């Protein structure tokens, strides 16, 4: 079982990530388009992996991730963004992949961070 929280305010991007990660072994998903929604989703069900955009319609992915990790403890994170320079705050070890994303890079990061998926 591998539950993924996808923090992404572009629905087509979120659906594309879901399809890709499902092919690679993720079994369930939660979605959030804003910082507050991301925190609510993570507190409702602890994810095994978080993928996060940086710039959201409300708030930021990095701040949402920071709040989530402070509340629930360590969870692997992959940032996927068109603005990698804005990816702060960020814990060490969280890869940053740029949009448009390279599917092979996401697959590799997923398996590196969640090897049992």
PDB file of N, CA and C in Angstrom:
ATOM      1  N   UNK A   1       0.840  -1.188   0.000  1.00  0.00           N
ATOM      2  CA  UNK A   1       0.000   0.000   0.000  1.00  0.00           C
ATOM      3  C   UNK A   1       0.884   1.250   0.000  1.00  0.00           C
ATOM      4  N   UNK A   2       0.626   2.138  -0.920  1.00  0.00           N
ATOM      5  CA  UNK A   2       1.376   3.392  -0.998  1.00  0.00           C
ATOM      6  C   UNK A   2       0.397   4.521  -1.291  1.00  0.00           C
ATOM      7  N   UNK A   3       0.189   5.374  -0.285  1.00  0.00           N
ATOM      8  CA  UNK A   3      -0.726   6.506  -0.421  1.00  0.00           C
ATOM      9  C   UNK A   3       0.074   7.768  -0.748  1.00  0.00           C
ATOM     10  N   UNK A   4      -0.317   8.452  -1.820  1.00  0.00           N
ATOM     11  CA  UNK A   4       0.391   9.646  -2.287  1.00  0.00           C
ATOM     12  C   UNK A   4      -0.515  10.868  -2.155  1.00  0.00           C
ATOM     13  N   UNK A   5       0.024  11.930  -1.568  1.00  0.00           N
ATOM     14  CA  UNK A   5      -0.640  13.231  -1.558  1.00  0.00           C
ATOM     15  C   UNK A   5      -0.039  14.056  -2.688  1.00  0.00           C
ATOM     16  N   UNK A   6      -0.882  14.453  -3.638  1.00  0.00           N
ATOM     17  CA  UNK A   6      -0.451  15.285  -4.763  1.00  0.00           C
ATOM     18  C   UNK A   6      -0.927  16.710  -4.492  1.00  0.00           C
ATOM     19  N   UNK A   7       0.037  17.611  -4.284  1.00  0.00           N
ATOM     20  CA  UNK A   7      -0.267  19.027  -4.065  1.00  0.00           C
ATOM     21  C   UNK A   7       0.007  19.736  -5.386  1.00  0.00           C
ATOM     22  N   UNK A   8      -1.058  20.082  -6.085  1.00  0.00           N
ATOM     23  CA  UNK A   8      -0.931  20.628  -7.446  1.00  0.00           C
ATOM     24  C   UNK A   8      -2.216  21.367  -7.772  1.00  0.00           C
ATOM     25  N   UNK A   9      -2.092  22.621  -8.232  1.00  0.00           N
ATOM     26  CA  UNK A   9      -3.288  23.403  -8.541  1.00  0.00           C
ATOM     27  C   UNK A   9      -3.703  23.331 -10.009  1.00  0.00           C
ATOM     28  N   UNK A  10      -2.994  22.565 -10.812  1.00  0.00           N
ATOM     29  CA  UNK A  10      -3.383  22.348 -12.207  1.00  0.00           C
ATOM     30  C   UNK A  10      -3.958  20.934 -12.316  1.00  0.00           C
ATOM     31  N   UNK A  11      -5.285  20.807 -12.496  1.00  0.00           N
ATOM     32  CA  UNK A  11      -5.921  19.486 -12.483  1.00  0.00           C
ATOM     33  C   UNK A  11      -5.333  18.488 -13.481  1.00  0.00           C
ATOM     34  N   UNK A  12      -4.997  18.923 -14.684  1.00  0.00           N
ATOM     35  CA  UNK A  12      -4.441  17.986 -15.671  1.00  0.00           C
ATOM     36  C   UNK A  12      -3.082  17.460 -15.229  1.00  0.00           C
ATOM     37  N   UNK A  13      -2.276  18.304 -14.618  1.00  0.00           N
ATOM     38  CA  UNK A  13      -0.974  17.880 -14.101  1.00  0.00           C
ATOM     39  C   UNK A  13      -1.169  16.868 -12.973  1.00  0.00           C
ATOM     40  N   UNK A  14      -2.128  17.134 -12.093  1.00  0.00           N
ATOM     41  CA  UNK A  14      -2.398  16.216 -10.980  1.00  0.00           C
ATOM     42  C   UNK A  14      -2.859  14.854 -11.500  1.00  0.00           C
ATOM     43  N   UNK A  15      -3.725  14.859 -12.503  1.00  0.00           N
ATOM     44  CA  UNK A  15      -4.209  13.588 -13.069  1.00  0.00           C
ATOM     45  C   UNK A  15      -3.088  12.833 -13.772  1.00  0.00           C
ATOM     46  N   UNK A  16      -2.206  13.549 -14.446  1.00  0.00           N
ATOM     47  CA  UNK A  16      -1.075  12.917 -15.119  1.00  0.00           C
ATOM     48  C   UNK A  16      -0.130  12.272 -14.101  1.00  0.00           C
ATOM     49  N   UNK A  17       0.143  12.978 -13.014  1.00  0.00           N
ATOM     50  CA  UNK A  17       0.982  12.417 -11.948  1.00  0.00           C
ATOM     51  C   UNK A  17       0.330  11.183 -11.333  1.00  0.00           C
ATOM     52  N   UNK A  18      -0.972  11.268 -11.094  1.00  0.00           N
ATOM     53  CA  UNK A  18      -1.688  10.123 -10.531  1.00  0.00           C
ATOM     54  C   UNK A  18      -1.541   8.896 -11.431  1.00  0.00           C
ATOM     55  N   UNK A  19      -1.777   9.061 -12.725  1.00  0.00           N
ATOM     56  CA  UNK A  19      -1.690   7.930 -13.658  1.00  0.00           C
ATOM     57  C   UNK A  19      -0.277   7.351 -13.681  1.00  0.00           C
ATOM     58  N   UNK A  20       0.719   8.212 -13.712  1.00  0.00           N
ATOM     59  CA  UNK A  20       2.107   7.756 -13.757  1.00  0.00           C
ATOM     60  C   UNK A  20       2.479   6.996 -12.483  1.00  0.00           C
ATOM     61  N   UNK A  21       2.161   7.562 -11.328  1.00  0.00           N
ATOM     62  CA  UNK A  21       2.535   6.924 -10.066  1.00  0.00           C
ATOM     63  C   UNK A  21       1.730   5.653  -9.806  1.00  0.00           C
ATOM     64  N   UNK A  22       0.507   5.614 -10.283  1.00  0.00           N
ATOM     65  CA  UNK A  22      -0.293   4.392 -10.151  1.00  0.00           C
ATOM     66  C   UNK A  22       0.344   3.253 -10.952  1.00  0.00           C
ATOM     67  N   UNK A  23       0.838   3.557 -12.137  1.00  0.00           N
ATOM     68  CA  UNK A  23       1.536   2.547 -12.945  1.00  0.00           C
ATOM     69  C   UNK A  23       2.771   2.025 -12.227  1.00  0.00           C
ATOM     70  N   UNK A  24       3.364   2.861 -11.384  1.00  0.00           N
ATOM     71  CA  UNK A  24       4.607   2.502 -10.702  1.00  0.00           C
ATOM     72  C   UNK A  24       4.389   1.869  -9.332  1.00  0.00           C
ATOM     73  N   UNK A  25       3.124   1.749  -8.901  1.00  0.00           N
ATOM     74  CA  UNK A  25       2.856   1.035  -7.654  1.00  0.00           C
ATOM     75  C   UNK A  25       2.109   1.798  -6.581  1.00  0.00           C
ATOM     76  N   UNK A  26       1.857   3.085  -6.765  1.00  0.00           N
ATOM     77  CA  UNK A  26       1.044   3.816  -5.788  1.00  0.00           C
ATOM     78  C   UNK A  26      -0.378   3.262  -5.837  1.00  0.00           C
ATOM     79  N   UNK A  27      -1.001   3.136  -4.672  1.00  0.00           N
ATOM     80  CA  UNK A  27      -2.307   2.475  -4.610  1.00  0.00           C
ATOM     81  C   UNK A  27      -3.465   3.401  -4.276  1.00  0.00           C
ATOM     82  N   UNK A  28      -3.198   4.560  -3.686  1.00  0.00           N
ATOM     83  CA  UNK A  28      -4.271   5.505  -3.380  1.00  0.00           C
ATOM     84  C   UNK A  28      -3.708   6.922  -3.386  1.00  0.00           C
ATOM     85  N   UNK A  29      -4.619   7.877  -3.542  1.00  0.00           N
ATOM     86  CA  UNK A  29      -4.203   9.268  -3.723  1.00  0.00           C
ATOM     87  C   UNK A  29      -5.134  10.220  -2.994  1.00  0.00           C
ATOM     88  N   UNK A  30      -4.568  11.322  -2.524  1.00  0.00           N
ATOM     89  CA  UNK A  30      -5.316  12.493  -2.072  1.00  0.00           C
ATOM     90  C   UNK A  30      -4.797  13.656  -2.900  1.00  0.00           C
ATOM     91  N   UNK A  31      -5.664  14.642  -3.104  1.00  0.00           N
ATOM     92  CA  UNK A  31      -5.295  15.787  -3.930  1.00  0.00           C
ATOM     93  C   UNK A  31      -5.558  17.076  -3.172  1.00  0.00           C
ATOM     94  N   UNK A  32      -4.702  18.062  -3.403  1.00  0.00           N
ATOM     95  CA  UNK A  32      -4.875  19.377  -2.796  1.00  0.00           C
ATOM     96  C   UNK A  32      -4.393  20.430  -3.781  1.00  0.00           C
ATOM     97  N   UNK A  33      -5.170  21.514  -3.900  1.00  0.00           N
ATOM     98  CA  UNK A  33      -4.801  22.597  -4.804  1.00  0.00           C
ATOM     99  C   UNK A  33      -4.304  23.831  -4.061  1.00  0.00           C
ATOM    100  N   UNK A  34      -4.410  23.822  -2.725  1.00  0.00           N
ATOM    101  CA  UNK A  34      -3.968  24.968  -1.928  1.00  0.00           C
ATOM    102  C   UNK A  34      -3.183  24.484  -0.715  1.00  0.00           C
ATOM    103  N   UNK A  35      -2.504  25.416  -0.087  1.00  0.00           N
ATOM    104  CA  UNK A  35      -1.705  25.099   1.095  1.00  0.00           C
ATOM    105  C   UNK A  35      -2.579  24.523   2.209  1.00  0.00           C
ATOM    106  N   UNK A  36      -3.686  25.188   2.529  1.00  0.00           N
ATOM    107  CA  UNK A  36      -4.554  24.725   3.616  1.00  0.00           C
ATOM    108  C   UNK A  36      -5.165  23.363   3.312  1.00  0.00           C
ATOM    109  N   UNK A  37      -5.586  23.170   2.071  1.00  0.00           N
ATOM    110  CA  UNK A  37      -6.166  21.881   1.676  1.00  0.00           C
ATOM    111  C   UNK A  37      -5.126  20.762   1.801  1.00  0.00           C
ATOM    112  N   UNK A  38      -3.889  21.045   1.447  1.00  0.00           N
ATOM    113  CA  UNK A  38      -2.823  20.044   1.553  1.00  0.00           C
ATOM    114  C   UNK A  38      -2.628  19.608   2.998  1.00  0.00           C
ATOM    115  N   UNK A  39      -2.607  20.570   3.902  1.00  0.00           N
ATOM    116  CA  UNK A  39      -2.436  20.244   5.322  1.00  0.00           C
ATOM    117  C   UNK A  39      -3.613  19.407   5.806  1.00  0.00           C
ATOM    118  N   UNK A  40      -4.835  19.805   5.455  1.00  0.00           N
ATOM    119  CA  UNK A  40      -6.024  19.028   5.860  1.00  0.00           C
ATOM    120  C   UNK A  40      -5.957  17.596   5.348  1.00  0.00           C
ATOM    121  N   UNK A  41      -5.602  17.425   4.089  1.00  0.00           N
ATOM    122  CA  UNK A  41      -5.544  16.083   3.495  1.00  0.00           C
ATOM    123  C   UNK A  41      -4.493  15.221   4.182  1.00  0.00           C
ATOM    124  N   UNK A  42      -3.336  15.795   4.474  1.00  0.00           N
ATOM    125  CA  UNK A  42      -2.262  15.025   5.117  1.00  0.00           C
ATOM    126  C   UNK A  42      -2.622  14.641   6.544  1.00  0.00           C
ATOM    127  N   UNK A  43      -3.319  15.525   7.244  1.00  0.00           N
ATOM    128  CA  UNK A  43      -3.726  15.209   8.613  1.00  0.00           C
ATOM    129  C   UNK A  43      -4.847  14.171   8.628  1.00  0.00           C
ATOM    130  N   UNK A  44      -5.682  14.174   7.592  1.00  0.00           N
ATOM    131  CA  UNK A  44      -6.768  13.197   7.510  1.00  0.00           C
ATOM    132  C   UNK A  44      -6.239  11.800   7.206  1.00  0.00           C
ATOM    133  N   UNK A  45      -5.201  11.718   6.392  1.00  0.00           N
ATOM    134  CA  UNK A  45      -4.590  10.430   6.052  1.00  0.00           C
ATOM    135  C   UNK A  45      -3.114  10.661   5.755  1.00  0.00           C
ATOM    136  N   UNK A  46      -2.264  10.101   6.585  1.00  0.00           N
ATOM    137  CA  UNK A  46      -0.821  10.303   6.421  1.00  0.00           C
ATOM    138  C   UNK A  46      -0.358   9.678   5.106  1.00  0.00           C
ATOM    139  N   UNK A  47       0.274  10.483   4.256  1.00  0.00           N
ATOM    140  CA  UNK A  47       0.774   9.940   2.991  1.00  0.00           C
ATOM    141  C   UNK A  47       2.097   9.198   3.170  1.00  0.00           C
ATOM    142  N   UNK A  48       2.358   8.276   2.248  1.00  0.00           N
ATOM    143  CA  UNK A  48       3.656   7.602   2.179  1.00  0.00           C
ATOM    144  C   UNK A  48       4.630   8.405   1.328  1.00  0.00           C
ATOM    145  N   UNK A  49       4.079   9.305   0.497  1.00  0.00           N
ATOM    146  CA  UNK A  49       4.865  10.174  -0.378  1.00  0.00           C
ATOM    147  C   UNK A  49       4.047  11.422  -0.652  1.00  0.00           C
ATOM    148  N   UNK A  50       4.725  12.552  -0.753  1.00  0.00           N
ATOM    149  CA  UNK A  50       4.092  13.805  -1.162  1.00  0.00           C
ATOM    150  C   UNK A  50       4.775  14.280  -2.435  1.00  0.00           C
ATOM    151  N   UNK A  51       3.976  14.630  -3.449  1.00  0.00           N
ATOM    152  CA  UNK A  51       4.507  15.380  -4.587  1.00  0.00           C
ATOM    153  C   UNK A  51       3.906  16.773  -4.475  1.00  0.00           C
ATOM    154  N   UNK A  52       4.710  17.792  -4.725  1.00  0.00           N
ATOM    155  CA  UNK A  52       4.213  19.144  -4.509  1.00  0.00           C
ATOM    156  C   UNK A  52       4.742  20.122  -5.537  1.00  0.00           C
ATOM    157  N   UNK A  53       3.817  20.909  -6.070  1.00  0.00           N
ATOM    158  CA  UNK A  53       4.177  22.090  -6.837  1.00  0.00           C
ATOM    159  C   UNK A  53       4.676  23.129  -5.833  1.00  0.00           C
ATOM    160  N   UNK A  54       5.300  24.183  -6.306  1.00  0.00           N
ATOM    161  CA  UNK A  54       5.783  25.233  -5.413  1.00  0.00           C
ATOM    162  C   UNK A  54       4.756  26.354  -5.308  1.00  0.00           C
ATOM    163  N   UNK A  55       4.351  26.906  -6.442  1.00  0.00           N
ATOM    164  CA  UNK A  55       3.413  28.020  -6.449  1.00  0.00           C
ATOM    165  C   UNK A  55       1.994  27.490  -6.596  1.00  0.00           C
ATOM    166  N   UNK A  56       1.158  27.789  -5.609  1.00  0.00           N
ATOM    167  CA  UNK A  56      -0.233  27.355  -5.627  1.00  0.00           C
ATOM    168  C   UNK A  56      -1.138  28.579  -5.719  1.00  0.00           C
ATOM    169  N   UNK A  57      -2.415  28.372  -6.041  1.00  0.00           N
ATOM    170  CA  UNK A  57      -3.337  29.506  -6.107  1.00  0.00           C
ATOM    171  C   UNK A  57      -3.465  30.183  -4.749  1.00  0.00           C
ATOM    172  N   UNK A  58      -3.386  29.393  -3.670  1.00  0.00           N
ATOM    173  CA  UNK A  58      -3.415  29.938  -2.317  1.00  0.00           C
ATOM    174  C   UNK A  58      -2.301  29.285  -1.511  1.00  0.00           C
ATOM    175  N   UNK A  59      -1.291  30.067  -1.141  1.00  0.00           N
ATOM    176  CA  UNK A  59      -0.170  29.549  -0.372  1.00  0.00           C
ATOM    177  C   UNK A  59       0.890  28.942  -1.265  1.00  0.00           C
ATOM    178  N   UNK A  60       1.816  28.206  -0.626  1.00  0.00           N
ATOM    179  CA  UNK A  60       2.887  27.560  -1.383  1.00  0.00           C
ATOM    180  C   UNK A  60       3.016  26.103  -0.976  1.00  0.00           C
ATOM    181  N   UNK A  61       3.493  25.303  -1.903  1.00  0.00           N
ATOM    182  CA  UNK A  61       3.741  23.898  -1.619  1.00  0.00           C
ATOM    183  C   UNK A  61       4.798  23.694  -0.548  1.00  0.00           C
ATOM    184  N   UNK A  62       5.958  24.377  -0.640  1.00  0.00           N
ATOM    185  CA  UNK A  62       6.985  24.177   0.384  1.00  0.00           C
ATOM    186  C   UNK A  62       6.507  24.507   1.800  1.00  0.00           C
ATOM    187  N   UNK A  63       5.716  25.564   1.941  1.00  0.00           N
ATOM    188  CA  UNK A  63       5.211  25.893   3.274  1.00  0.00           C
ATOM    189  C   UNK A  63       4.212  24.833   3.741  1.00  0.00           C
ATOM    190  N   UNK A  64       3.347  24.365   2.840  1.00  0.00           N
ATOM    191  CA  UNK A  64       2.416  23.286   3.189  1.00  0.00           C
ATOM    192  C   UNK A  64       3.183  22.054   3.636  1.00  0.00           C
ATOM    193  N   UNK A  65       4.210  21.684   2.889  1.00  0.00           N
ATOM    194  CA  UNK A  65       5.013  20.501   3.226  1.00  0.00           C
ATOM    195  C   UNK A  65       5.687  20.683   4.582  1.00  0.00           C
ATOM    196  N   UNK A  66       6.218  21.864   4.845  1.00  0.00           N
ATOM    197  CA  UNK A  66       6.867  22.126   6.127  1.00  0.00           C
ATOM    198  C   UNK A  66       5.883  21.951   7.289  1.00  0.00           C
ATOM    199  N   UNK A  67       4.685  22.492   7.143  1.00  0.00           N
ATOM    200  CA  UNK A  67       3.652  22.352   8.176  1.00  0.00           C
ATOM    201  C   UNK A  67       3.277  20.883   8.350  1.00  0.00           C
ATOM    202  N   UNK A  68       3.113  20.177   7.239  1.00  0.00           N
ATOM    203  CA  UNK A  68       2.742  18.756   7.278  1.00  0.00           C
ATOM    204  C   UNK A  68       3.813  17.944   7.997  1.00  0.00           C
ATOM    205  N   UNK A  69       5.063  18.122   7.614  1.00  0.00           N
ATOM    206  CA  UNK A  69       6.143  17.330   8.212  1.00  0.00           C
ATOM    207  C   UNK A  69       6.311  17.640   9.697  1.00  0.00           C
ATOM    208  N   UNK A  70       6.112  18.893  10.078  1.00  0.00           N
ATOM    209  CA  UNK A  70       6.170  19.244  11.499  1.00  0.00           C
ATOM    210  C   UNK A  70       5.048  18.556  12.276  1.00  0.00           C
ATOM    211  N   UNK A  71       3.890  18.374  11.633  1.00  0.00           N
ATOM    212  CA  UNK A  71       2.728  17.792  12.311  1.00  0.00           C
ATOM    213  C   UNK A  71       2.751  16.268  12.350  1.00  0.00           C
ATOM    214  N   UNK A  72       3.194  15.623  11.267  1.00  0.00           N
ATOM    215  CA  UNK A  72       3.060  14.155  11.195  1.00  0.00           C
ATOM    216  C   UNK A  72       4.386  13.413  11.151  1.00  0.00           C
ATOM    217  N   UNK A  73       5.482  14.134  11.079  1.00  0.00           N
ATOM    218  CA  UNK A  73       6.779  13.466  11.033  1.00  0.00           C
ATOM    219  C   UNK A  73       7.267  13.277   9.613  1.00  0.00           C
ATOM    220  N   UNK A  74       8.383  12.563   9.464  1.00  0.00           N
ATOM    221  CA  UNK A  74       9.020  12.455   8.156  1.00  0.00           C
ATOM    222  C   UNK A  74       8.166  11.715   7.124  1.00  0.00           C
ATOM    223  N   UNK A  75       8.123  12.288   5.937  1.00  0.00           N
ATOM    224  CA  UNK A  75       7.476  11.702   4.764  1.00  0.00           C
ATOM    225  C   UNK A  75       8.338  12.109   3.576  1.00  0.00           C
ATOM    226  N   UNK A  76       8.644  11.190   2.660  1.00  0.00           N
ATOM    227  CA  UNK A  76       9.408  11.591   1.475  1.00  0.00           C
ATOM    228  C   UNK A  76       8.617  12.575   0.608  1.00  0.00           C
ATOM    229  N   UNK A  77       9.343  13.518   0.007  1.00  0.00           N
ATOM    230  CA  UNK A  77       8.718  14.581  -0.785  1.00  0.00           C
ATOM    231  C   UNK A  77       9.465  14.739  -2.098  1.00  0.00           C
ATOM    232  N   UNK A  78       8.699  14.917  -3.179  1.00  0.00           N
ATOM    233  CA  UNK A  78       9.244  15.296  -4.484  1.00  0.00           C
ATOM    234  C   UNK A  78       8.590  16.619  -4.866  1.00  0.00           C
ATOM    235  N   UNK A  79       9.394  17.663  -5.070  1.00  0.00           N
ATOM    236  CA  UNK A  79       8.861  18.924  -5.571  1.00  0.00           C
ATOM    237  C   UNK A  79       8.939  18.899  -7.094  1.00  0.00           C
ATOM    238  N   UNK A  80       7.836  19.292  -7.739  1.00  0.00           N
ATOM    239  CA  UNK A  80       7.764  19.339  -9.202  1.00  0.00           C
ATOM    240  C   UNK A  80       7.258  20.732  -9.552  1.00  0.00           C
ATOM    241  N   UNK A  81       8.108  21.558 -10.176  1.00  0.00           N
ATOM    242  CA  UNK A  81       7.774  22.969 -10.310  1.00  0.00           C
ATOM    243  C   UNK A  81       8.414  23.624 -11.526  1.00  0.00           C
ATOM    244  N   UNK A  82       7.801  24.687 -11.957  1.00  0.00           N
ATOM    245  CA  UNK A  82       8.389  25.531 -12.980  1.00  0.00           C
ATOM    246  C   UNK A  82       9.266  26.620 -12.383  1.00  0.00           C
ATOM    247  N   UNK A  83       9.247  26.734 -11.046  1.00  0.00           N
ATOM    248  CA  UNK A  83      10.030  27.763 -10.360  1.00  0.00           C
ATOM    249  C   UNK A  83      10.883  27.132  -9.252  1.00  0.00           C
ATOM    250  N   UNK A  84      11.899  26.348  -9.625  1.00  0.00           N
ATOM    251  CA  UNK A  84      12.698  25.670  -8.605  1.00  0.00           C
ATOM    252  C   UNK A  84      13.416  26.622  -7.650  1.00  0.00           C
ATOM    253  N   UNK A  85      13.748  27.816  -8.113  1.00  0.00           N
ATOM    254  CA  UNK A  85      14.439  28.781  -7.260  1.00  0.00           C
ATOM    255  C   UNK A  85      13.551  29.270  -6.110  1.00  0.00           C
ATOM    256  N   UNK A  86      12.244  29.093  -6.232  1.00  0.00           N
ATOM    257  CA  UNK A  86      11.308  29.535  -5.190  1.00  0.00           C
ATOM    258  C   UNK A  86      10.971  28.426  -4.195  1.00  0.00           C
ATOM    259  N   UNK A  87      11.658  27.322  -4.261  1.00  0.00           N
ATOM    260  CA  UNK A  87      11.334  26.153  -3.438  1.00  0.00           C
ATOM    261  C   UNK A  87      11.943  26.269  -2.041  1.00  0.00           C
ATOM    262  N   UNK A  88      11.380  27.163  -1.244  1.00  0.00           N
ATOM    263  CA  UNK A  88      11.812  27.381   0.146  1.00  0.00           C
ATOM    264  C   UNK A  88      10.579  27.587   1.008  1.00  0.00           C
ATOM    265  N   UNK A  89      10.565  27.063   2.225  1.00  0.00           N
ATOM    266  CA  UNK A  89      11.576  26.227   2.869  1.00  0.00           C
ATOM    267  C   UNK A  89      11.545  24.815   2.308  1.00  0.00           C
ATOM    268  N   UNK A  90      12.703  24.144   2.376  1.00  0.00           N
ATOM    269  CA  UNK A  90      12.798  22.775   1.864  1.00  0.00           C
ATOM    270  C   UNK A  90      13.750  21.990   2.741  1.00  0.00           C
ATOM    271  N   UNK A  91      13.292  20.824   3.174  1.00  0.00           N
ATOM    272  CA  UNK A  91      14.136  19.943   3.992  1.00  0.00           C
ATOM    273  C   UNK A  91      15.183  19.287   3.087  1.00  0.00           C
ATOM    274  N   UNK A  92      16.358  18.987   3.617  1.00  0.00           N
ATOM    275  CA  UNK A  92      17.381  18.291   2.824  1.00  0.00           C
ATOM    276  C   UNK A  92      16.866  16.936   2.333  1.00  0.00           C
ATOM    277  N   UNK A  93      17.294  16.565   1.145  1.00  0.00           N
ATOM    278  CA  UNK A  93      16.921  15.261   0.605  1.00  0.00           C
ATOM    279  C   UNK A  93      15.653  15.249  -0.218  1.00  0.00           C
ATOM    280  N   UNK A  94      14.994  16.398  -0.351  1.00  0.00           N
ATOM    281  CA  UNK A  94      13.780  16.476  -1.169  1.00  0.00           C
ATOM    282  C   UNK A  94      14.173  16.886  -2.587  1.00  0.00           C
ATOM    283  N   UNK A  95      14.044  15.983  -3.550  1.00  0.00           N
ATOM    284  CA  UNK A  95      14.419  16.360  -4.914  1.00  0.00           C
ATOM    285  C   UNK A  95      13.479  17.411  -5.489  1.00  0.00           C
ATOM    286  N   UNK A  96      14.036  18.246  -6.366  1.00  0.00           N
ATOM    287  CA  UNK A  96      13.250  19.237  -7.099  1.00  0.00           C
ATOM    288  C   UNK A  96      13.351  18.884  -8.573  1.00  0.00           C
ATOM    289  N   UNK A  97      12.217  18.583  -9.186  1.00  0.00           N
ATOM    290  CA  UNK A  97      12.151  18.293 -10.616  1.00  0.00           C
ATOM    291  C   UNK A  97      11.432  19.453 -11.290  1.00  0.00           C
ATOM    292  N   UNK A  98      11.865  19.808 -12.492  1.00  0.00           N
ATOM    293  CA  UNK A  98      11.288  20.964 -13.165  1.00  0.00           C
ATOM    294  C   UNK A  98      10.180  20.559 -14.122  1.00  0.00           C
ATOM    295  N   UNK A  99       9.231  21.502 -14.291  1.00  0.00           N
ATOM    296  CA  UNK A  99       8.156  21.345 -15.274  1.00  0.00           C
ATOM    297  C   UNK A  99       8.634  21.978 -16.573  1.00  0.00           C
ATOM    298  N   UNK A 100       8.251  21.466 -17.724  1.00  0.00           N
ATOM    299  CA  UNK A 100       7.487  20.229 -17.847  1.00  0.00           C
ATOM    300  C   UNK A 100       8.330  19.062 -17.359  1.00  0.00           C
ATOM    301  N   UNK A 101       7.688  18.147 -16.635  1.00  0.00           N
ATOM    302  CA  UNK A 101       8.477  17.117 -15.976  1.00  0.00           C
ATOM    303  C   UNK A 101       8.851  15.974 -16.905  1.00  0.00           C
ATOM    304  N   UNK A 102       9.993  15.407 -16.587  1.00  0.00           N
ATOM    305  CA  UNK A 102      10.516  14.227 -17.275  1.00  0.00           C
ATOM    306  C   UNK A 102       9.948  13.009 -16.548  1.00  0.00           C
ATOM    307  N   UNK A 103       9.133  12.233 -17.247  1.00  0.00           N
ATOM    308  CA  UNK A 103       8.462  11.086 -16.627  1.00  0.00           C
ATOM    309  C   UNK A 103       9.468  10.113 -16.013  1.00  0.00           C
ATOM    310  N   UNK A 104      10.574   9.880 -16.686  1.00  0.00           N
ATOM    311  CA  UNK A 104      11.584   8.948 -16.168  1.00  0.00           C
ATOM    312  C   UNK A 104      12.190   9.466 -14.867  1.00  0.00           C
ATOM    313  N   UNK A 105      12.369  10.777 -14.755  1.00  0.00           N
ATOM    314  CA  UNK A 105      12.927  11.354 -13.527  1.00  0.00           C
ATOM    315  C   UNK A 105      11.961  11.191 -12.360  1.00  0.00           C
ATOM    316  N   UNK A 106      10.671  11.355 -12.616  1.00  0.00           N
ATOM    317  CA  UNK A 106       9.678  11.168 -11.551  1.00  0.00           C
ATOM    318  C   UNK A 106       9.630   9.709 -11.129  1.00  0.00           C
ATOM    319  N   UNK A 107       9.647   8.802 -12.094  1.00  0.00           N
ATOM    320  CA  UNK A 107       9.637   7.367 -11.777  1.00  0.00           C
ATOM    321  C   UNK A 107      10.862   7.012 -10.937  1.00  0.00           C
ATOM    322  N   UNK A 108      12.027   7.508 -11.327  1.00  0.00           N
ATOM    323  CA  UNK A 108      13.250   7.219 -10.578  1.00  0.00           C
ATOM    324  C   UNK A 108      13.169   7.767  -9.158  1.00  0.00           C
ATOM    325  N   UNK A 109      12.724   9.021  -9.017  1.00  0.00           N
ATOM    326  CA  UNK A 109      12.607   9.625  -7.685  1.00  0.00           C
ATOM    327  C   UNK A 109      11.602   8.859  -6.833  1.00  0.00           C
ATOM    328  N   UNK A 110      10.488   8.455  -7.422  1.00  0.00           N
ATOM    329  CA  UNK A 110       9.470   7.681  -6.701  1.00  0.00           C
ATOM    330  C   UNK A 110      10.068   6.393  -6.148  1.00  0.00           C
ATOM    331  N   UNK A 111      10.756   5.649  -6.987  1.00  0.00           N
ATOM    332  CA  UNK A 111      11.330   4.371  -6.544  1.00  0.00           C
ATOM    333  C   UNK A 111      12.501   4.567  -5.576  1.00  0.00           C
ATOM    334  N   UNK A 112      13.234   5.666  -5.718  1.00  0.00           N
ATOM    335  CA  UNK A 112      14.307   5.963  -4.760  1.00  0.00           C
ATOM    336  C   UNK A 112      13.737   6.256  -3.372  1.00  0.00           C
ATOM    337  N   UNK A 113      12.619   6.994  -3.336  1.00  0.00           N
ATOM    338  CA  UNK A 113      12.052   7.426  -2.061  1.00  0.00           C
ATOM    339  C   UNK A 113      11.091   6.415  -1.444  1.00  0.00           C
ATOM    340  N   UNK A 114      10.439   5.607  -2.284  1.00  0.00           N
ATOM    341  CA  UNK A 114       9.481   4.605  -1.800  1.00  0.00           C
ATOM    342  C   UNK A 114       9.846   3.262  -2.435  1.00  0.00           C
ATOM    343  N   UNK A 115      10.942   2.665  -2.011  1.00  0.00           N
ATOM    344  CA  UNK A 115      11.445   1.461  -2.687  1.00  0.00           C
ATOM    345  C   UNK A 115      10.521   0.249  -2.608  1.00  0.00           C
ATOM    346  N   UNK A 116       9.620   0.208  -1.639  1.00  0.00           N
ATOM    347  CA  UNK A 116       8.733  -0.947  -1.500  1.00  0.00           C
ATOM    348  C   UNK A 116       7.446  -0.825  -2.300  1.00  0.00           C
ATOM    349  N   UNK A 117       7.259   0.283  -3.024  1.00  0.00           N
ATOM    350  CA  UNK A 117       6.013   0.488  -3.777  1.00  0.00           C
ATOM    351  C   UNK A 117       5.957  -0.406  -4.997  1.00  0.00           C
TER     352      UNK A 117
END
